[in-house]
Amino acid sequence: MFASMTIIKALLVIASTTIVAMGAPQKRFGGPLADQFWEEHPSTEDVKSGDSSWIEASICSILERNRAEIEGHIKFDGDWRAIREASCTVFELDQHNVFTYTTGWTEDLKSNWWVHTVRNAIWKQSDAVPGGWATENFLLIDSETHAKADTGLWKITGRESKLETENLGFDTLRDLFLKAENTPMVIKSKKDGLKKLSKSRFYGIKKMVQNDIYCEVTLFDPKGGKGHTLTYDLQWFQSDVAEVGYLL
């Protein structure tokens, strides 16, 4: 299914080769100015969501496993004093859309401009059909979106994913979370009857530590911002989990 994905590119206005030859070159993450933009690399510390958290939860989990899957999809133009324009490549299944997202350098966007670039790239995509995850004006909040736990993962990376929704008891979740050592993973919580997690919220899996006494899971909670995490024993929140999504 994903072999037939069309790559969607949020292109810079200056992105054609003829114009680049005449003007400032484009740069990728990891280029000569990377240390001046992000100290070293983009970080989960840069990520904060509003009431729509599935994109940011996916970003955190991807960064934790392989930041190149974020870095390799973003280009920017400018120097350390002013990012003139930025672009992001995201993926969809069966439609193609090209658009430009431009961001300027401000104190508010100094560290997280790249998060806004990814978020806007997905928001502007043409596959955001009515009743999906966006309107013309905004991304739908977590309680209303049709995005699944794996949606952000495959849209950002273009890789095949899997969504688990059945028989999510303790043993199944423990075995799934073990996979998170090697692949990005996101969970979505249930709408009601929760013990620990917030309702209809997306969380990225950071890590799991288990021994004979406990099975402790650390979750990225992007709404908390600044790399905020929650750590619970799995037995205390297992019944809160509605979906588990991960990359294959």
Protein backbone atom coordinates (compact mmCIF):
# COMPACT_ATOMS: atom_id res chain seq x y z
CA MET A 1 0.00 0.00 0.00
CA PHE A 2 2.74 2.43 1.01
CA ALA A 3 4.84 1.53 -2.02
CA SER A 4 2.36 3.55 -4.04
CA MET A 5 2.50 6.58 -1.76
CA THR A 6 2.92 9.90 -3.47
CA ILE A 7 5.56 12.11 -1.89
CA ILE A 8 4.11 15.45 -0.94
CA LYS A 9 6.57 18.30 -0.87
CA ALA A 10 6.04 21.59 0.88
CA LEU A 11 8.41 23.52 -1.36
CA LEU A 12 10.24 26.80 -0.89
CA VAL A 13 9.34 29.62 -3.23
CA ILE A 14 12.98 29.58 -4.34
CA ALA A 15 13.10 25.80 -4.68
CA SER A 16 13.62 25.44 -8.45
CA THR A 17 17.16 24.71 -9.53
CA THR A 18 17.32 27.74 -11.83
CA ILE A 19 16.42 30.15 -9.05
CA VAL A 20 18.71 28.45 -6.57
CA ALA A 21 21.56 28.93 -8.99
CA MET A 22 20.83 32.68 -8.95
CA GLY A 23 20.18 33.15 -5.25
CA ALA A 24 20.87 31.79 -1.78
CA PRO A 25 21.36 28.01 -1.54
CA GLN A 26 19.05 25.76 0.40
CA LYS A 27 20.40 24.01 3.46
CA ARG A 28 19.36 20.85 5.24
CA PHE A 29 19.49 19.91 8.89
CA GLY A 30 23.04 19.06 9.78
CA GLY A 31 24.47 21.71 7.43
CA PRO A 32 27.05 24.37 8.32
CA LEU A 33 24.59 26.46 10.34
CA ALA A 34 22.83 23.64 12.16
CA ASP A 35 24.58 24.29 15.46
CA GLN A 36 23.49 27.94 15.37
CA PHE A 37 19.85 27.10 14.71
CA TRP A 38 19.30 24.18 17.10
CA GLU A 39 22.48 24.04 19.20
CA GLU A 40 23.18 20.63 17.68
CA HIS A 41 20.00 19.01 16.39
CA PRO A 42 16.22 19.39 16.67
CA SER A 43 15.09 18.13 20.04
CA THR A 44 11.96 16.96 21.81
CA GLU A 45 12.56 20.01 24.00
CA ASP A 46 11.37 22.10 21.03
CA VAL A 47 8.00 20.31 20.78
CA LYS A 48 4.73 21.50 22.27
CA SER A 49 1.19 20.77 21.07
CA GLY A 50 -2.16 22.35 21.63
CA ASP A 51 -5.39 20.36 21.77
CA SER A 52 -4.32 18.45 18.65
CA SER A 53 -1.38 16.30 19.70
CA TRP A 54 -1.01 13.43 17.21
CA ILE A 55 1.60 15.13 15.02
CA GLU A 56 3.75 16.24 17.96
CA ALA A 57 3.51 12.84 19.69
CA SER A 58 4.76 11.26 16.46
CA ILE A 59 7.57 13.82 16.12
CA CYS A 60 8.81 13.08 19.66
CA SER A 61 8.81 9.33 19.15
CA ILE A 62 10.56 9.60 15.78
CA LEU A 63 13.22 11.94 17.17
CA GLU A 64 13.87 9.53 20.03
CA ARG A 65 14.62 6.68 17.62
CA ASN A 66 16.06 8.27 14.47
CA ARG A 67 16.19 12.03 14.14
CA ALA A 68 17.35 11.71 10.51
CA GLU A 69 13.76 10.85 9.61
CA ILE A 70 12.82 14.37 10.69
CA GLU A 71 15.97 16.16 9.58
CA GLY A 72 16.01 14.65 6.11
CA HIS A 73 12.54 15.98 5.28
CA ILE A 74 13.15 19.63 6.11
CA LYS A 75 15.00 22.31 4.14
CA PHE A 76 15.49 25.96 4.99
CA ASP A 77 16.86 29.14 3.47
CA GLY A 78 18.56 31.98 5.31
CA ASP A 79 21.34 32.48 7.81
CA TRP A 80 21.43 32.31 11.58
CA ARG A 81 19.87 35.78 11.92
CA ALA A 82 16.76 35.04 9.83
CA ILE A 83 15.28 31.87 8.43
CA ARG A 84 13.64 33.31 5.34
CA GLU A 85 11.74 30.24 4.28
CA ALA A 86 11.43 26.59 5.27
CA SER A 87 9.96 23.53 3.61
CA CYS A 88 8.92 20.07 4.72
CA THR A 89 8.22 16.84 2.82
CA VAL A 90 5.31 14.78 4.12
CA PHE A 91 3.44 11.81 2.69
CA GLU A 92 -0.05 10.78 1.70
CA LEU A 93 -1.63 7.71 0.16
CA ASP A 94 -3.38 8.68 -3.05
CA GLN A 95 -3.29 12.44 -3.71
CA HIS A 96 -0.64 15.00 -4.58
CA ASN A 97 -0.40 18.56 -3.35
CA VAL A 98 2.37 21.15 -3.50
CA PHE A 99 2.33 24.27 -1.38
CA THR A 100 4.68 26.76 0.23
CA TYR A 101 5.01 27.33 3.96
CA THR A 102 7.07 30.35 4.95
CA THR A 103 8.29 31.20 8.42
CA GLY A 104 10.28 34.18 9.67
CA TRP A 105 12.68 34.30 12.59
CA THR A 106 10.99 35.35 15.82
CA GLU A 107 11.75 34.69 19.45
CA ASP A 108 8.64 32.51 19.71
CA LEU A 109 9.76 30.33 16.80
CA LYS A 110 13.49 30.38 17.50
CA SER A 111 13.66 26.74 18.58
CA ASN A 112 10.40 25.27 17.32
CA TRP A 113 9.96 26.80 13.86
CA TRP A 114 10.69 23.38 12.35
CA VAL A 115 7.81 21.82 14.37
CA HIS A 116 5.45 24.44 12.91
CA THR A 117 6.79 23.61 9.45
CA VAL A 118 5.97 19.90 9.83
CA ARG A 119 2.58 20.65 11.37
CA ASN A 120 1.61 23.11 8.64
CA ALA A 121 2.77 20.76 5.91
CA ILE A 122 0.37 18.09 7.16
CA TRP A 123 -2.43 20.57 7.79
CA LYS A 124 -2.24 21.92 4.24
CA GLN A 125 -2.31 18.54 2.56
CA SER A 126 -5.16 17.80 0.21
CA ASP A 127 -5.83 14.39 1.76
CA ALA A 128 -7.23 16.09 4.86
CA VAL A 129 -10.76 15.29 3.71
CA PRO A 130 -13.84 16.60 5.52
CA GLY A 131 -14.29 14.57 8.67
CA GLY A 132 -10.62 13.62 8.62
CA TRP A 133 -8.13 15.57 10.73
CA ALA A 134 -8.30 19.13 9.47
CA THR A 135 -10.49 21.90 8.15
CA GLU A 136 -9.40 24.78 5.96
CA ASN A 137 -8.57 26.76 9.09
CA PHE A 138 -7.19 24.38 11.69
CA LEU A 139 -6.36 20.84 12.74
CA LEU A 140 -9.19 19.13 14.58
CA ILE A 141 -8.69 18.61 18.30
CA ASP A 142 -7.86 15.15 19.62
CA SER A 143 -11.42 14.32 20.65
CA GLU A 144 -12.70 15.08 17.12
CA THR A 145 -9.89 13.99 14.79
CA HIS A 146 -10.03 10.82 12.71
CA ALA A 147 -6.24 10.55 12.89
CA LYS A 148 -5.11 7.23 14.34
CA ALA A 149 -2.16 6.43 16.57
CA ASP A 150 -0.04 5.59 13.52
CA THR A 151 -1.17 8.42 11.20
CA GLY A 152 1.52 10.93 12.13
CA LEU A 153 4.23 8.27 11.96
CA TRP A 154 3.63 7.30 8.34
CA LYS A 155 2.79 10.81 7.17
CA ILE A 156 6.11 12.14 8.47
CA THR A 157 8.36 9.22 7.46
CA GLY A 158 6.60 7.66 4.46
CA ARG A 159 7.17 4.22 5.98
CA GLU A 160 4.66 1.43 6.45
CA SER A 161 2.96 1.35 9.84
CA LYS A 162 0.70 -0.90 11.86
CA LEU A 163 -2.25 0.00 14.07
CA GLU A 164 -3.27 -2.22 17.00
CA THR A 165 -6.72 -1.77 18.54
CA GLU A 166 -7.77 -5.22 19.74
CA ASN A 167 -7.01 -7.13 22.96
CA LEU A 168 -4.78 -4.43 24.41
CA GLY A 169 -4.31 -6.03 27.81
CA PHE A 170 -1.20 -5.96 29.97
CA ASP A 171 0.69 -8.74 28.19
CA THR A 172 -0.09 -7.43 24.70
CA LEU A 173 0.91 -3.87 25.59
CA ARG A 174 4.10 -5.03 27.28
CA ASP A 175 5.11 -6.98 24.18
CA LEU A 176 4.22 -4.05 21.91
CA PHE A 177 6.12 -1.53 24.02
CA LEU A 178 9.21 -3.73 23.80
CA LYS A 179 9.16 -3.00 20.07
CA ALA A 180 9.45 0.70 20.88
CA GLU A 181 13.13 0.15 21.68
CA ASN A 182 13.71 -0.05 17.94
CA THR A 183 10.85 1.77 16.24
CA PRO A 184 8.77 4.93 16.81
CA MET A 185 5.48 4.22 18.58
CA VAL A 186 2.45 6.30 19.58
CA ILE A 187 -0.60 5.47 21.67
CA LYS A 188 -4.02 7.08 21.79
CA SER A 189 -6.01 7.03 25.00
CA LYS A 190 -9.69 6.18 25.36
CA LYS A 191 -12.50 8.73 25.46
CA ASP A 192 -13.64 7.97 29.00
CA GLY A 193 -13.10 5.80 32.06
CA LEU A 194 -9.41 6.64 32.32
CA LYS A 195 -7.19 6.09 35.36
CA LYS A 196 -4.00 7.99 34.52
CA LEU A 197 -3.98 9.42 31.00
CA SER A 198 -5.97 12.34 29.63
CA LYS A 199 -8.92 11.40 27.44
CA SER A 200 -8.48 11.09 23.67
CA ARG A 201 -4.82 12.20 23.90
CA PHE A 202 -1.86 11.03 21.84
CA TYR A 203 1.41 10.06 23.56
CA GLY A 204 4.75 9.01 22.12
CA ILE A 205 6.53 6.06 23.70
CA LYS A 206 9.94 7.05 25.02
CA LYS A 207 11.02 3.85 26.78
CA MET A 208 9.96 0.92 28.94
CA VAL A 209 11.89 -0.55 31.86
CA GLN A 210 10.79 -3.86 33.36
CA ASN A 211 11.96 -6.28 36.01
CA ASP A 212 10.34 -8.88 38.27
CA ILE A 213 8.49 -6.19 40.24
CA TYR A 214 7.30 -3.55 37.78
CA CYS A 215 6.95 -2.63 34.12
CA GLU A 216 7.58 1.11 33.93
CA VAL A 217 6.71 3.07 30.78
CA THR A 218 7.79 6.64 30.00
CA LEU A 219 5.53 8.58 27.63
CA PHE A 220 6.10 11.80 25.75
CA ASP A 221 3.24 14.19 26.56
CA PRO A 222 3.66 16.90 23.90
CA LYS A 223 0.93 19.10 25.33
CA GLY A 224 3.16 19.62 28.37
CA GLY A 225 5.93 21.04 26.14
CA LYS A 226 9.71 21.12 26.65
CA GLY A 227 10.09 17.35 26.25
CA HIS A 228 7.56 16.72 29.03
CA THR A 229 7.20 13.06 29.94
CA LEU A 230 4.99 10.93 32.16
CA THR A 231 6.16 7.70 33.79
CA TYR A 232 3.72 5.07 35.05
CA ASP A 233 3.74 1.40 35.81
CA LEU A 234 1.93 -0.26 32.91
CA GLN A 235 -0.62 -1.88 35.20
CA TRP A 236 -1.89 1.58 36.21
CA PHE A 237 -2.71 2.82 32.72
CA GLN A 238 -3.13 -0.30 30.57
CA SER A 239 -6.91 0.09 30.55
CA ASP A 240 -6.55 3.69 29.29
CA VAL A 241 -5.03 2.68 25.92
CA ALA A 242 -7.35 2.58 22.89
CA GLU A 243 -4.79 2.35 20.06
CA VAL A 244 -1.12 1.60 19.51
CA GLY A 245 0.59 2.66 16.27
CA TYR A 246 4.15 1.95 15.20
CA LEU A 247 6.41 1.81 12.16
CA LEU A 248 7.37 -1.52 10.62
